[in-house]
Amino acid sequence: MGRARGGRLLPVLAALFVALLLISGCAAEGEDEEGSPVVAAEEPEAPMEDKQKAALYAAIGSFVGKAWNGSGLFPDPCGQTPIQGVSCDLFNGVWYPTVVSIGPVLDNSLQCAPDARFSPQLFDLRRLKSLTFYACFPAANPTTIPAASWDKLSGTLETLEFRSNPGLSGAIPASLGRLASLRSLVLVDNNLTGAVPSELGGAAASSDLLIAAKEETTKKLI
């Protein structure tokens, strides 16, 4: 009689053991208070203004080419999908692009298109601190430094560099003198002509602005 009862209990115990294993497996995946499975939430994208995203994509696209799909390749440019050459800082809980470097500085850096152009949206990056162009404008693509809109970056832009751009020609716009926060202006191996505008010269004399200019032209900048 005892053996019969023991024989009946074994299948029951085995079934309970299997049930416990299944329950523990579900618990490991996570359940809510009602016992329903909980799906692990993805990390949210870094908060960034839509206008700043659009301005960043448009500005970079004008240099690297229309085929560049910034929003598709880098949907979270200040977070999980950073763009090489772009750095961001947090202001009041929101990310803003503060550094933009265009040109083949590193192997995976943004490469300029043969028809690279300045975009008005560049000046909508209202927290921009540093802007660099390296080997972006070849001789076959003559381009001038835009004269307008630099005042939009007056309170933020601290560093502005143009290096190795043989297609960058014309004069240095006097409007660069409106960059009240500018601390470093580098103009090296471009094709610029003329002298440094007096607006910039005055700023350099009255502040910490450092101007480094070396141009292979008939009229030296400094």
N, C-alpha and C. Protein backbone atom coordinates (compact mmCIF):
# COMPACT_ATOMS: atom_id res chain seq x y z
N MET A 1 0.83 -1.21 0.00
CA MET A 1 0.00 0.00 0.00
C MET A 1 0.87 1.26 0.00
N GLY A 2 1.90 1.24 0.86
CA GLY A 2 2.84 2.36 0.92
C GLY A 2 3.55 2.54 -0.40
N ARG A 3 3.94 1.40 -1.00
CA ARG A 3 4.64 1.49 -2.28
C ARG A 3 3.74 2.08 -3.36
N ALA A 4 2.45 1.71 -3.33
CA ALA A 4 1.51 2.21 -4.33
C ALA A 4 1.36 3.73 -4.24
N ARG A 5 1.26 4.20 -2.96
CA ARG A 5 1.15 5.65 -2.78
C ARG A 5 2.43 6.35 -3.27
N GLY A 6 3.57 5.74 -2.93
CA GLY A 6 4.84 6.35 -3.35
C GLY A 6 4.93 6.40 -4.86
N GLY A 7 4.45 5.35 -5.53
CA GLY A 7 4.51 5.33 -6.98
C GLY A 7 3.63 6.39 -7.61
N ARG A 8 2.49 6.70 -6.93
CA ARG A 8 1.60 7.73 -7.45
C ARG A 8 2.17 9.14 -7.23
N LEU A 9 2.91 9.30 -6.13
CA LEU A 9 3.44 10.63 -5.80
C LEU A 9 4.58 11.05 -6.73
N LEU A 10 5.34 10.11 -7.21
CA LEU A 10 6.51 10.46 -8.03
C LEU A 10 6.14 11.27 -9.28
N PRO A 11 5.13 10.84 -10.05
CA PRO A 11 4.76 11.66 -11.22
C PRO A 11 4.28 13.05 -10.84
N VAL A 12 3.56 13.14 -9.71
CA VAL A 12 3.07 14.45 -9.26
C VAL A 12 4.22 15.37 -8.90
N LEU A 13 5.18 14.82 -8.15
CA LEU A 13 6.35 15.62 -7.76
C LEU A 13 7.15 16.05 -8.98
N ALA A 14 7.29 15.17 -9.94
CA ALA A 14 8.02 15.51 -11.16
C ALA A 14 7.33 16.65 -11.91
N ALA A 15 6.00 16.58 -11.97
CA ALA A 15 5.25 17.63 -12.66
C ALA A 15 5.39 18.97 -11.95
N LEU A 16 5.36 18.92 -10.61
CA LEU A 16 5.54 20.15 -9.84
C LEU A 16 6.92 20.75 -10.06
N PHE A 17 7.92 19.89 -10.14
CA PHE A 17 9.30 20.35 -10.35
C PHE A 17 9.44 21.06 -11.70
N VAL A 18 8.84 20.46 -12.73
CA VAL A 18 8.88 21.07 -14.06
C VAL A 18 8.15 22.41 -14.06
N ALA A 19 7.01 22.47 -13.37
CA ALA A 19 6.24 23.71 -13.30
C ALA A 19 7.04 24.82 -12.62
N LEU A 20 7.75 24.43 -11.54
CA LEU A 20 8.58 25.42 -10.84
C LEU A 20 9.69 25.95 -11.73
N LEU A 21 10.28 25.07 -12.53
CA LEU A 21 11.32 25.51 -13.45
C LEU A 21 10.78 26.51 -14.46
N LEU A 22 9.59 26.22 -14.99
CA LEU A 22 8.99 27.13 -15.97
C LEU A 22 8.68 28.48 -15.36
N ILE A 23 8.15 28.45 -14.12
CA ILE A 23 7.82 29.71 -13.43
C ILE A 23 9.06 30.53 -13.18
N SER A 24 10.14 29.88 -12.73
CA SER A 24 11.38 30.60 -12.44
C SER A 24 11.96 31.19 -13.71
N GLY A 25 11.80 30.47 -14.84
CA GLY A 25 12.30 31.00 -16.11
C GLY A 25 11.56 32.25 -16.51
N CYS A 26 10.24 32.25 -16.33
CA CYS A 26 9.45 33.45 -16.64
C CYS A 26 9.84 34.61 -15.75
N ALA A 27 10.08 34.31 -14.48
CA ALA A 27 10.45 35.37 -13.53
C ALA A 27 11.77 35.99 -13.91
N ALA A 28 12.69 35.16 -14.45
CA ALA A 28 13.99 35.69 -14.84
C ALA A 28 13.85 36.69 -15.98
N GLU A 29 12.86 36.46 -16.90
CA GLU A 29 12.65 37.39 -18.00
C GLU A 29 12.01 38.67 -17.51
N GLY A 30 11.32 38.61 -16.37
CA GLY A 30 10.70 39.80 -15.80
C GLY A 30 9.20 39.78 -15.94
N GLU A 31 8.50 40.10 -14.87
CA GLU A 31 7.05 40.17 -14.87
C GLU A 31 6.62 41.39 -14.10
N ASP A 32 5.43 41.87 -14.45
CA ASP A 32 4.89 42.98 -13.68
C ASP A 32 4.13 42.43 -12.48
N GLU A 33 3.46 43.32 -11.75
CA GLU A 33 2.78 42.90 -10.53
C GLU A 33 1.67 41.89 -10.80
N GLU A 34 1.09 41.90 -12.02
CA GLU A 34 0.02 40.99 -12.35
C GLU A 34 0.53 39.70 -12.97
N GLY A 35 1.84 39.57 -13.06
CA GLY A 35 2.42 38.34 -13.59
C GLY A 35 2.60 38.34 -15.09
N SER A 36 2.33 39.46 -15.78
CA SER A 36 2.51 39.52 -17.22
C SER A 36 3.97 39.80 -17.54
N PRO A 37 4.49 39.20 -18.63
CA PRO A 37 5.89 39.42 -19.00
C PRO A 37 6.16 40.90 -19.26
N VAL A 38 7.33 41.36 -18.82
CA VAL A 38 7.73 42.74 -19.02
C VAL A 38 8.84 42.79 -20.05
N VAL A 39 8.63 43.54 -21.12
CA VAL A 39 9.65 43.68 -22.16
C VAL A 39 10.59 44.80 -21.75
N ALA A 40 11.89 44.51 -21.83
CA ALA A 40 12.89 45.51 -21.45
C ALA A 40 12.77 46.73 -22.35
N ALA A 41 12.67 47.89 -21.74
CA ALA A 41 12.50 49.12 -22.51
C ALA A 41 13.83 49.56 -23.11
N GLU A 42 13.78 50.07 -24.35
CA GLU A 42 14.98 50.58 -24.97
C GLU A 42 15.34 51.92 -24.34
N GLU A 43 16.66 52.21 -24.33
CA GLU A 43 17.09 53.48 -23.79
C GLU A 43 16.57 54.61 -24.68
N PRO A 44 16.01 55.65 -24.09
CA PRO A 44 15.47 56.73 -24.91
C PRO A 44 16.58 57.50 -25.61
N GLU A 45 16.25 58.09 -26.76
CA GLU A 45 17.21 58.91 -27.46
C GLU A 45 17.53 60.13 -26.62
N ALA A 46 18.76 60.65 -26.80
CA ALA A 46 19.14 61.86 -26.08
C ALA A 46 18.22 63.00 -26.52
N PRO A 47 17.67 63.76 -25.58
CA PRO A 47 16.77 64.84 -25.95
C PRO A 47 17.49 65.90 -26.77
N MET A 48 16.88 66.29 -27.89
CA MET A 48 17.48 67.28 -28.78
C MET A 48 16.36 67.97 -29.54
N GLU A 49 16.45 69.26 -29.70
CA GLU A 49 15.42 70.00 -30.42
C GLU A 49 15.37 69.55 -31.88
N ASP A 50 14.16 69.39 -32.40
CA ASP A 50 13.99 68.99 -33.79
C ASP A 50 14.62 70.01 -34.74
N LYS A 51 14.51 71.29 -34.39
CA LYS A 51 15.09 72.33 -35.24
C LYS A 51 16.61 72.22 -35.29
N GLN A 52 17.22 71.84 -34.17
CA GLN A 52 18.67 71.68 -34.16
C GLN A 52 19.10 70.46 -34.97
N LYS A 53 18.33 69.39 -34.87
CA LYS A 53 18.61 68.21 -35.70
C LYS A 53 18.54 68.56 -37.18
N ALA A 54 17.45 69.23 -37.57
CA ALA A 54 17.27 69.58 -38.97
C ALA A 54 18.38 70.50 -39.47
N ALA A 55 18.78 71.46 -38.62
CA ALA A 55 19.85 72.38 -39.00
C ALA A 55 21.17 71.64 -39.16
N LEU A 56 21.43 70.69 -38.25
CA LEU A 56 22.68 69.92 -38.32
C LEU A 56 22.73 69.08 -39.59
N TYR A 57 21.64 68.36 -39.88
CA TYR A 57 21.60 67.53 -41.08
C TYR A 57 21.78 68.38 -42.34
N ALA A 58 21.08 69.52 -42.40
CA ALA A 58 21.15 70.37 -43.59
C ALA A 58 22.54 70.99 -43.75
N ALA A 59 23.11 71.43 -42.65
CA ALA A 59 24.44 72.05 -42.71
C ALA A 59 25.49 71.06 -43.19
N ILE A 60 25.51 69.87 -42.60
CA ILE A 60 26.49 68.86 -43.00
C ILE A 60 26.22 68.39 -44.42
N GLY A 61 24.94 68.20 -44.76
CA GLY A 61 24.59 67.74 -46.09
C GLY A 61 25.08 68.68 -47.18
N SER A 62 25.10 69.98 -46.91
CA SER A 62 25.56 70.93 -47.92
C SER A 62 27.05 70.80 -48.19
N PHE A 63 27.78 70.24 -47.24
CA PHE A 63 29.22 70.04 -47.43
C PHE A 63 29.55 68.65 -47.98
N VAL A 64 28.88 67.63 -47.51
CA VAL A 64 29.23 66.26 -47.89
C VAL A 64 28.41 65.73 -49.05
N GLY A 65 27.35 66.44 -49.46
CA GLY A 65 26.59 66.03 -50.63
C GLY A 65 25.14 65.69 -50.32
N LYS A 66 24.28 65.88 -51.30
CA LYS A 66 22.84 65.67 -51.11
C LYS A 66 22.50 64.20 -50.85
N ALA A 67 23.36 63.29 -51.31
CA ALA A 67 23.06 61.86 -51.13
C ALA A 67 23.22 61.41 -49.68
N TRP A 68 23.82 62.26 -48.86
CA TRP A 68 24.05 61.90 -47.45
C TRP A 68 22.72 61.91 -46.71
N ASN A 69 22.34 60.77 -46.17
CA ASN A 69 21.06 60.63 -45.46
C ASN A 69 21.31 60.73 -43.96
N GLY A 70 21.46 61.94 -43.48
CA GLY A 70 21.80 62.14 -42.08
C GLY A 70 20.76 61.62 -41.12
N SER A 71 19.50 61.90 -41.37
CA SER A 71 18.44 61.48 -40.45
C SER A 71 18.30 59.97 -40.41
N GLY A 72 18.61 59.30 -41.52
CA GLY A 72 18.52 57.84 -41.55
C GLY A 72 19.72 57.17 -40.93
N LEU A 73 20.91 57.73 -41.18
CA LEU A 73 22.15 57.13 -40.66
C LEU A 73 22.39 57.50 -39.20
N PHE A 74 22.01 58.71 -38.83
CA PHE A 74 22.31 59.22 -37.49
C PHE A 74 21.04 59.82 -36.87
N PRO A 75 20.05 58.99 -36.53
CA PRO A 75 18.80 59.52 -35.98
C PRO A 75 18.95 60.17 -34.62
N ASP A 76 20.03 59.84 -33.91
CA ASP A 76 20.27 60.40 -32.57
C ASP A 76 21.69 60.94 -32.53
N PRO A 77 21.99 62.04 -33.25
CA PRO A 77 23.36 62.49 -33.45
C PRO A 77 24.10 62.93 -32.20
N CYS A 78 23.38 63.26 -31.15
CA CYS A 78 24.04 63.65 -29.90
C CYS A 78 23.97 62.53 -28.86
N GLY A 79 23.51 61.36 -29.27
CA GLY A 79 23.36 60.25 -28.33
C GLY A 79 23.91 58.95 -28.86
N GLN A 80 23.04 58.01 -29.21
CA GLN A 80 23.45 56.66 -29.55
C GLN A 80 24.02 56.52 -30.95
N THR A 81 23.78 57.50 -31.83
CA THR A 81 24.31 57.42 -33.19
C THR A 81 25.10 58.70 -33.50
N PRO A 82 26.25 58.88 -32.86
CA PRO A 82 27.03 60.11 -33.05
C PRO A 82 27.62 60.22 -34.45
N ILE A 83 27.78 61.44 -34.91
CA ILE A 83 28.39 61.73 -36.20
C ILE A 83 29.86 62.06 -35.98
N GLN A 84 30.74 61.41 -36.74
CA GLN A 84 32.17 61.70 -36.61
C GLN A 84 32.42 63.17 -36.91
N GLY A 85 33.12 63.85 -36.01
CA GLY A 85 33.41 65.26 -36.20
C GLY A 85 32.42 66.19 -35.53
N VAL A 86 31.37 65.62 -34.94
CA VAL A 86 30.35 66.42 -34.25
C VAL A 86 30.34 66.07 -32.77
N SER A 87 30.43 67.07 -31.92
CA SER A 87 30.32 66.87 -30.48
C SER A 87 29.18 67.73 -29.95
N CYS A 88 28.59 67.27 -28.86
CA CYS A 88 27.43 67.97 -28.29
C CYS A 88 27.64 68.22 -26.80
N ASP A 89 26.98 69.23 -26.30
CA ASP A 89 26.96 69.52 -24.87
C ASP A 89 25.51 69.66 -24.41
N LEU A 90 25.32 69.46 -23.12
CA LEU A 90 23.98 69.50 -22.54
C LEU A 90 23.71 70.88 -21.95
N PHE A 91 22.59 71.48 -22.35
CA PHE A 91 22.17 72.78 -21.82
C PHE A 91 20.73 72.66 -21.35
N ASN A 92 20.52 72.82 -20.05
CA ASN A 92 19.17 72.74 -19.47
C ASN A 92 18.46 71.46 -19.87
N GLY A 93 19.19 70.35 -19.83
CA GLY A 93 18.60 69.06 -20.10
C GLY A 93 18.40 68.72 -21.57
N VAL A 94 18.91 69.56 -22.47
CA VAL A 94 18.76 69.34 -23.91
C VAL A 94 20.13 69.37 -24.57
N TRP A 95 20.34 68.44 -25.53
CA TRP A 95 21.61 68.37 -26.23
C TRP A 95 21.65 69.37 -27.39
N TYR A 96 22.83 70.00 -27.56
CA TYR A 96 23.06 70.90 -28.69
C TYR A 96 24.42 70.59 -29.31
N PRO A 97 24.53 70.63 -30.65
CA PRO A 97 25.85 70.48 -31.28
C PRO A 97 26.72 71.68 -30.92
N THR A 98 27.93 71.43 -30.45
CA THR A 98 28.83 72.51 -30.07
C THR A 98 30.13 72.49 -30.86
N VAL A 99 30.46 71.36 -31.47
CA VAL A 99 31.68 71.24 -32.28
C VAL A 99 31.32 70.58 -33.60
N VAL A 100 31.71 71.21 -34.70
CA VAL A 100 31.53 70.62 -36.03
C VAL A 100 32.86 70.72 -36.77
N SER A 101 33.38 69.56 -37.17
CA SER A 101 34.65 69.50 -37.91
C SER A 101 34.40 68.77 -39.22
N ILE A 102 34.60 69.47 -40.33
CA ILE A 102 34.34 68.92 -41.65
C ILE A 102 35.66 68.71 -42.38
N GLY A 103 35.85 67.51 -42.94
CA GLY A 103 37.05 67.22 -43.70
C GLY A 103 37.74 65.97 -43.22
N PRO A 104 38.68 65.43 -44.01
CA PRO A 104 39.33 64.15 -43.73
C PRO A 104 40.39 64.21 -42.64
N VAL A 105 39.97 64.55 -41.43
CA VAL A 105 40.91 64.57 -40.30
C VAL A 105 41.25 63.15 -39.88
N LEU A 106 40.25 62.27 -39.81
CA LEU A 106 40.43 60.86 -39.47
C LEU A 106 39.89 60.00 -40.62
N ASP A 107 40.17 58.69 -40.55
CA ASP A 107 39.74 57.80 -41.62
C ASP A 107 38.23 57.81 -41.82
N ASN A 108 37.49 57.93 -40.73
CA ASN A 108 36.03 57.90 -40.82
C ASN A 108 35.41 59.29 -40.70
N SER A 109 36.22 60.33 -40.94
CA SER A 109 35.69 61.69 -40.88
C SER A 109 34.79 61.97 -42.07
N LEU A 110 33.97 62.99 -41.92
CA LEU A 110 33.09 63.41 -43.01
C LEU A 110 33.91 63.97 -44.16
N GLN A 111 33.69 63.45 -45.35
CA GLN A 111 34.41 63.89 -46.54
C GLN A 111 33.56 64.90 -47.31
N CYS A 112 34.16 65.98 -47.74
CA CYS A 112 33.41 66.99 -48.48
C CYS A 112 33.16 66.55 -49.91
N ALA A 113 32.01 66.93 -50.42
CA ALA A 113 31.66 66.65 -51.81
C ALA A 113 32.38 67.63 -52.73
N PRO A 114 32.53 67.28 -54.01
CA PRO A 114 33.20 68.19 -54.95
C PRO A 114 32.52 69.54 -55.07
N ASP A 115 31.23 69.60 -54.78
CA ASP A 115 30.48 70.86 -54.87
C ASP A 115 30.06 71.37 -53.50
N ALA A 116 30.90 71.16 -52.50
CA ALA A 116 30.58 71.58 -51.13
C ALA A 116 30.26 73.07 -51.08
N ARG A 117 29.24 73.38 -50.31
CA ARG A 117 28.80 74.77 -50.18
C ARG A 117 28.41 75.07 -48.74
N PHE A 118 28.48 76.34 -48.37
CA PHE A 118 27.99 76.77 -47.06
C PHE A 118 26.47 76.83 -47.10
N SER A 119 25.85 76.34 -46.04
CA SER A 119 24.40 76.34 -45.94
C SER A 119 23.95 77.37 -44.91
N PRO A 120 22.85 78.07 -45.15
CA PRO A 120 22.33 79.02 -44.16
C PRO A 120 22.02 78.34 -42.83
N GLN A 121 21.67 77.04 -42.88
CA GLN A 121 21.33 76.31 -41.64
C GLN A 121 22.53 76.16 -40.71
N LEU A 122 23.73 76.32 -41.25
CA LEU A 122 24.92 76.24 -40.40
C LEU A 122 24.84 77.25 -39.26
N PHE A 123 24.29 78.40 -39.57
CA PHE A 123 24.23 79.48 -38.59
C PHE A 123 23.04 79.36 -37.64
N ASP A 124 22.25 78.31 -37.83
CA ASP A 124 21.15 78.03 -36.90
C ASP A 124 21.58 77.13 -35.75
N LEU A 125 22.83 76.67 -35.77
CA LEU A 125 23.36 75.86 -34.67
C LEU A 125 23.77 76.81 -33.56
N ARG A 126 22.81 77.21 -32.77
CA ARG A 126 22.97 78.37 -31.90
C ARG A 126 23.85 78.17 -30.68
N ARG A 127 24.35 76.95 -30.47
CA ARG A 127 25.28 76.72 -29.36
C ARG A 127 26.67 76.35 -29.87
N LEU A 128 26.92 76.57 -31.15
CA LEU A 128 28.18 76.15 -31.76
C LEU A 128 29.36 76.90 -31.17
N LYS A 129 30.36 76.14 -30.71
CA LYS A 129 31.56 76.73 -30.11
C LYS A 129 32.79 76.63 -31.00
N SER A 130 32.86 75.56 -31.79
CA SER A 130 34.04 75.32 -32.62
C SER A 130 33.62 74.85 -34.00
N LEU A 131 34.20 75.47 -35.04
CA LEU A 131 33.87 75.13 -36.42
C LEU A 131 35.16 75.04 -37.23
N THR A 132 35.39 73.87 -37.85
CA THR A 132 36.64 73.63 -38.58
C THR A 132 36.35 73.06 -39.96
N PHE A 133 37.08 73.58 -40.95
CA PHE A 133 37.02 73.05 -42.31
C PHE A 133 38.43 72.68 -42.75
N TYR A 134 38.63 71.41 -43.03
CA TYR A 134 39.95 70.93 -43.43
C TYR A 134 39.85 70.24 -44.79
N ALA A 135 40.60 70.74 -45.78
CA ALA A 135 40.63 70.14 -47.12
C ALA A 135 39.22 69.89 -47.64
N CYS A 136 38.38 70.88 -47.51
CA CYS A 136 36.97 70.74 -47.90
C CYS A 136 36.68 71.40 -49.25
N PHE A 137 37.44 72.44 -49.58
CA PHE A 137 37.18 73.18 -50.82
C PHE A 137 38.40 73.11 -51.73
N PRO A 138 38.40 72.20 -52.72
CA PRO A 138 39.52 72.08 -53.65
C PRO A 138 39.54 73.24 -54.64
N ALA A 139 40.62 73.36 -55.38
CA ALA A 139 40.75 74.45 -56.35
C ALA A 139 39.65 74.40 -57.41
N ALA A 140 39.16 73.19 -57.69
CA ALA A 140 38.10 73.04 -58.70
C ALA A 140 36.74 73.51 -58.20
N ASN A 141 36.67 73.85 -56.93
CA ASN A 141 35.41 74.31 -56.34
C ASN A 141 35.64 75.65 -55.63
N PRO A 142 35.81 76.73 -56.41
CA PRO A 142 36.06 78.03 -55.79
C PRO A 142 34.89 78.48 -54.92
N THR A 143 35.23 78.86 -53.71
CA THR A 143 34.21 79.22 -52.71
C THR A 143 34.72 80.39 -51.89
N THR A 144 33.83 81.22 -51.43
CA THR A 144 34.21 82.32 -50.55
C THR A 144 33.59 82.11 -49.17
N ILE A 145 34.21 82.68 -48.18
CA ILE A 145 33.64 82.64 -46.83
C ILE A 145 32.40 83.54 -46.81
N PRO A 146 31.26 83.03 -46.40
CA PRO A 146 30.05 83.86 -46.43
C PRO A 146 30.20 85.09 -45.54
N ALA A 147 29.63 86.19 -46.00
CA ALA A 147 29.73 87.44 -45.24
C ALA A 147 28.59 87.61 -44.26
N ALA A 148 27.47 86.96 -44.51
CA ALA A 148 26.28 87.17 -43.69
C ALA A 148 26.13 86.11 -42.60
N SER A 149 25.35 86.45 -41.61
CA SER A 149 24.83 85.54 -40.57
C SER A 149 25.82 85.16 -39.47
N TRP A 150 27.05 85.62 -39.53
CA TRP A 150 27.99 85.27 -38.45
C TRP A 150 27.54 85.83 -37.11
N ASP A 151 26.75 86.90 -37.14
CA ASP A 151 26.27 87.49 -35.90
C ASP A 151 25.38 86.53 -35.11
N LYS A 152 24.79 85.53 -35.80
CA LYS A 152 23.97 84.54 -35.10
C LYS A 152 24.80 83.68 -34.14
N LEU A 153 26.09 83.58 -34.42
CA LEU A 153 26.98 82.78 -33.58
C LEU A 153 27.84 83.66 -32.68
N SER A 154 27.48 84.93 -32.59
CA SER A 154 28.30 85.90 -31.87
C SER A 154 28.57 85.52 -30.43
N GLY A 155 27.56 85.00 -29.75
CA GLY A 155 27.71 84.72 -28.32
C GLY A 155 28.29 83.37 -27.98
N THR A 156 28.55 82.53 -29.00
CA THR A 156 28.98 81.15 -28.70
C THR A 156 30.28 80.73 -29.38
N LEU A 157 30.49 81.11 -30.65
CA LEU A 157 31.62 80.57 -31.42
C LEU A 157 32.95 81.09 -30.88
N GLU A 158 33.80 80.16 -30.47
CA GLU A 158 35.09 80.50 -29.89
C GLU A 158 36.27 80.16 -30.81
N THR A 159 36.09 79.16 -31.66
CA THR A 159 37.17 78.71 -32.55
C THR A 159 36.65 78.57 -33.97
N LEU A 160 37.36 79.17 -34.92
CA LEU A 160 37.00 79.07 -36.34
C LEU A 160 38.28 78.79 -37.12
N GLU A 161 38.29 77.68 -37.86
CA GLU A 161 39.49 77.27 -38.58
C GLU A 161 39.17 76.90 -40.03
N PHE A 162 40.02 77.40 -40.93
CA PHE A 162 40.00 77.00 -42.34
C PHE A 162 41.42 76.56 -42.69
N ARG A 163 41.60 75.27 -42.95
CA ARG A 163 42.93 74.73 -43.23
C ARG A 163 42.94 73.96 -44.55
N SER A 164 43.95 74.22 -45.36
CA SER A 164 44.19 73.45 -46.59
C SER A 164 42.97 73.41 -47.50
N ASN A 165 42.47 74.59 -47.83
CA ASN A 165 41.33 74.72 -48.75
C ASN A 165 41.74 75.60 -49.94
N PRO A 166 42.39 75.03 -50.95
CA PRO A 166 42.86 75.85 -52.08
C PRO A 166 41.74 76.52 -52.86
N GLY A 167 40.52 76.02 -52.74
CA GLY A 167 39.40 76.64 -53.44
C GLY A 167 38.76 77.78 -52.66
N LEU A 168 39.19 77.97 -51.42
CA LEU A 168 38.62 79.03 -50.59
C LEU A 168 39.34 80.34 -50.93
N SER A 169 38.65 81.22 -51.63
CA SER A 169 39.29 82.42 -52.15
C SER A 169 38.54 83.67 -51.70
N GLY A 170 39.03 84.81 -52.17
CA GLY A 170 38.40 86.07 -51.82
C GLY A 170 38.93 86.63 -50.51
N ALA A 171 38.26 87.65 -50.03
CA ALA A 171 38.70 88.33 -48.82
C ALA A 171 38.06 87.73 -47.57
N ILE A 172 38.69 88.01 -46.45
CA ILE A 172 38.11 87.62 -45.17
C ILE A 172 37.00 88.62 -44.86
N PRO A 173 35.77 88.15 -44.67
CA PRO A 173 34.68 89.10 -44.44
C PRO A 173 34.83 89.85 -43.12
N ALA A 174 34.55 91.13 -43.18
CA ALA A 174 34.63 91.95 -41.97
C ALA A 174 33.62 91.51 -40.93
N SER A 175 32.57 90.82 -41.37
CA SER A 175 31.52 90.38 -40.44
C SER A 175 32.03 89.38 -39.41
N LEU A 176 33.20 88.77 -39.65
CA LEU A 176 33.77 87.88 -38.63
C LEU A 176 34.10 88.66 -37.36
N GLY A 177 34.25 89.96 -37.50
CA GLY A 177 34.50 90.79 -36.34
C GLY A 177 33.33 90.85 -35.38
N ARG A 178 32.15 90.38 -35.83
CA ARG A 178 30.98 90.35 -34.96
C ARG A 178 30.98 89.15 -34.02
N LEU A 179 31.91 88.25 -34.21
CA LEU A 179 31.98 87.06 -33.34
C LEU A 179 32.62 87.47 -32.02
N ALA A 180 31.79 87.96 -31.13
CA ALA A 180 32.28 88.53 -29.87
C ALA A 180 32.98 87.51 -28.98
N SER A 181 32.63 86.23 -29.12
CA SER A 181 33.23 85.21 -28.25
C SER A 181 34.44 84.53 -28.88
N LEU A 182 34.80 84.93 -30.11
CA LEU A 182 35.88 84.26 -30.84
C LEU A 182 37.21 84.43 -30.12
N ARG A 183 37.91 83.31 -29.91
CA ARG A 183 39.21 83.32 -29.25
C ARG A 183 40.33 82.82 -30.15
N SER A 184 39.96 82.11 -31.22
CA SER A 184 40.99 81.57 -32.11
C SER A 184 40.47 81.55 -33.54
N LEU A 185 41.18 82.23 -34.45
CA LEU A 185 40.86 82.22 -35.87
C LEU A 185 42.10 81.72 -36.61
N VAL A 186 41.96 80.58 -37.28
CA VAL A 186 43.09 79.96 -37.98
C VAL A 186 42.79 79.93 -39.47
N LEU A 187 43.67 80.54 -40.25
CA LEU A 187 43.56 80.58 -41.71
C LEU A 187 44.89 80.13 -42.28
N VAL A 188 44.98 78.88 -42.70
CA VAL A 188 46.26 78.31 -43.13
C VAL A 188 46.08 77.55 -44.44
N ASP A 189 46.93 77.88 -45.42
CA ASP A 189 46.98 77.16 -46.70
C ASP A 189 45.63 77.15 -47.42
N ASN A 190 45.04 78.32 -47.53
CA ASN A 190 43.86 78.50 -48.36
C ASN A 190 44.27 79.35 -49.56
N ASN A 191 43.36 80.06 -50.15
CA ASN A 191 43.70 80.95 -51.26
C ASN A 191 43.07 82.32 -51.05
N LEU A 192 43.03 82.72 -49.79
CA LEU A 192 42.44 84.01 -49.43
C LEU A 192 43.39 85.15 -49.77
N THR A 193 42.83 86.30 -50.04
CA THR A 193 43.64 87.46 -50.39
C THR A 193 43.27 88.65 -49.50
N GLY A 194 44.14 89.63 -49.52
CA GLY A 194 43.86 90.83 -48.75
C GLY A 194 44.39 90.73 -47.33
N ALA A 195 44.02 91.70 -46.54
CA ALA A 195 44.49 91.78 -45.16
C ALA A 195 43.40 91.37 -44.19
N VAL A 196 43.81 91.13 -42.98
CA VAL A 196 42.83 90.85 -41.93
C VAL A 196 42.01 92.11 -41.71
N PRO A 197 40.69 92.03 -41.75
CA PRO A 197 39.85 93.22 -41.57
C PRO A 197 40.16 93.92 -40.25
N SER A 198 40.04 95.23 -40.28
CA SER A 198 40.33 96.01 -39.07
C SER A 198 39.42 95.61 -37.92
N GLU A 199 38.20 95.15 -38.24
CA GLU A 199 37.28 94.71 -37.19
C GLU A 199 37.88 93.56 -36.38
N LEU A 200 38.55 92.65 -37.07
CA LEU A 200 39.19 91.53 -36.38
C LEU A 200 40.48 91.97 -35.71
N GLY A 201 41.20 92.86 -36.35
CA GLY A 201 42.43 93.36 -35.75
C GLY A 201 42.17 94.07 -34.44
N GLY A 202 41.10 94.87 -34.41
CA GLY A 202 40.73 95.56 -33.18
C GLY A 202 40.32 94.60 -32.10
N ALA A 203 39.60 93.56 -32.49
CA ALA A 203 39.17 92.56 -31.51
C ALA A 203 40.37 91.83 -30.94
N ALA A 204 41.35 91.55 -31.78
CA ALA A 204 42.54 90.84 -31.31
C ALA A 204 43.33 91.70 -30.33
N ALA A 205 43.35 93.00 -30.58
CA ALA A 205 44.11 93.90 -29.71
C ALA A 205 43.44 94.10 -28.36
N SER A 206 42.11 93.98 -28.33
CA SER A 206 41.39 94.29 -27.10
C SER A 206 40.90 93.05 -26.35
N SER A 207 41.24 91.85 -26.86
CA SER A 207 40.78 90.63 -26.19
C SER A 207 41.83 89.54 -26.31
N ASP A 208 41.42 88.31 -26.03
CA ASP A 208 42.34 87.18 -26.11
C ASP A 208 42.32 86.51 -27.48
N LEU A 209 41.76 87.15 -28.49
CA LEU A 209 41.65 86.54 -29.81
C LEU A 209 43.03 86.31 -30.41
N LEU A 210 43.25 85.07 -30.83
CA LEU A 210 44.50 84.69 -31.49
C LEU A 210 44.22 84.46 -32.97
N ILE A 211 44.93 85.18 -33.82
CA ILE A 211 44.76 85.02 -35.27
C ILE A 211 46.03 84.39 -35.83
N ALA A 212 45.87 83.22 -36.46
CA ALA A 212 46.99 82.54 -37.11
C ALA A 212 46.66 82.46 -38.59
N ALA A 213 47.44 83.16 -39.42
CA ALA A 213 47.15 83.19 -40.85
C ALA A 213 48.42 82.97 -41.64
N LYS A 214 48.35 82.08 -42.61
CA LYS A 214 49.49 81.80 -43.49
C LYS A 214 48.93 81.44 -44.85
N GLU A 215 49.00 82.39 -45.77
CA GLU A 215 48.42 82.19 -47.09
C GLU A 215 49.48 82.36 -48.16
N GLU A 216 49.49 81.46 -49.13
CA GLU A 216 50.41 81.55 -50.25
C GLU A 216 49.77 82.41 -51.34
N THR A 217 49.67 83.69 -51.09
CA THR A 217 49.07 84.61 -52.04
C THR A 217 49.97 85.82 -52.21
N THR A 218 49.65 86.67 -53.17
CA THR A 218 50.47 87.86 -53.41
C THR A 218 50.32 88.88 -52.29
N LYS A 219 49.17 88.84 -51.62
CA LYS A 219 48.95 89.75 -50.50
C LYS A 219 48.87 88.94 -49.21
N LYS A 220 49.86 89.09 -48.39
CA LYS A 220 49.88 88.34 -47.14
C LYS A 220 48.82 88.88 -46.19
N LEU A 221 48.24 87.95 -45.44
CA LEU A 221 47.19 88.34 -44.50
C LEU A 221 47.75 89.03 -43.28
N ILE A 222 48.94 88.62 -42.89
CA ILE A 222 49.57 89.25 -41.73
C ILE A 222 50.99 89.63 -42.09
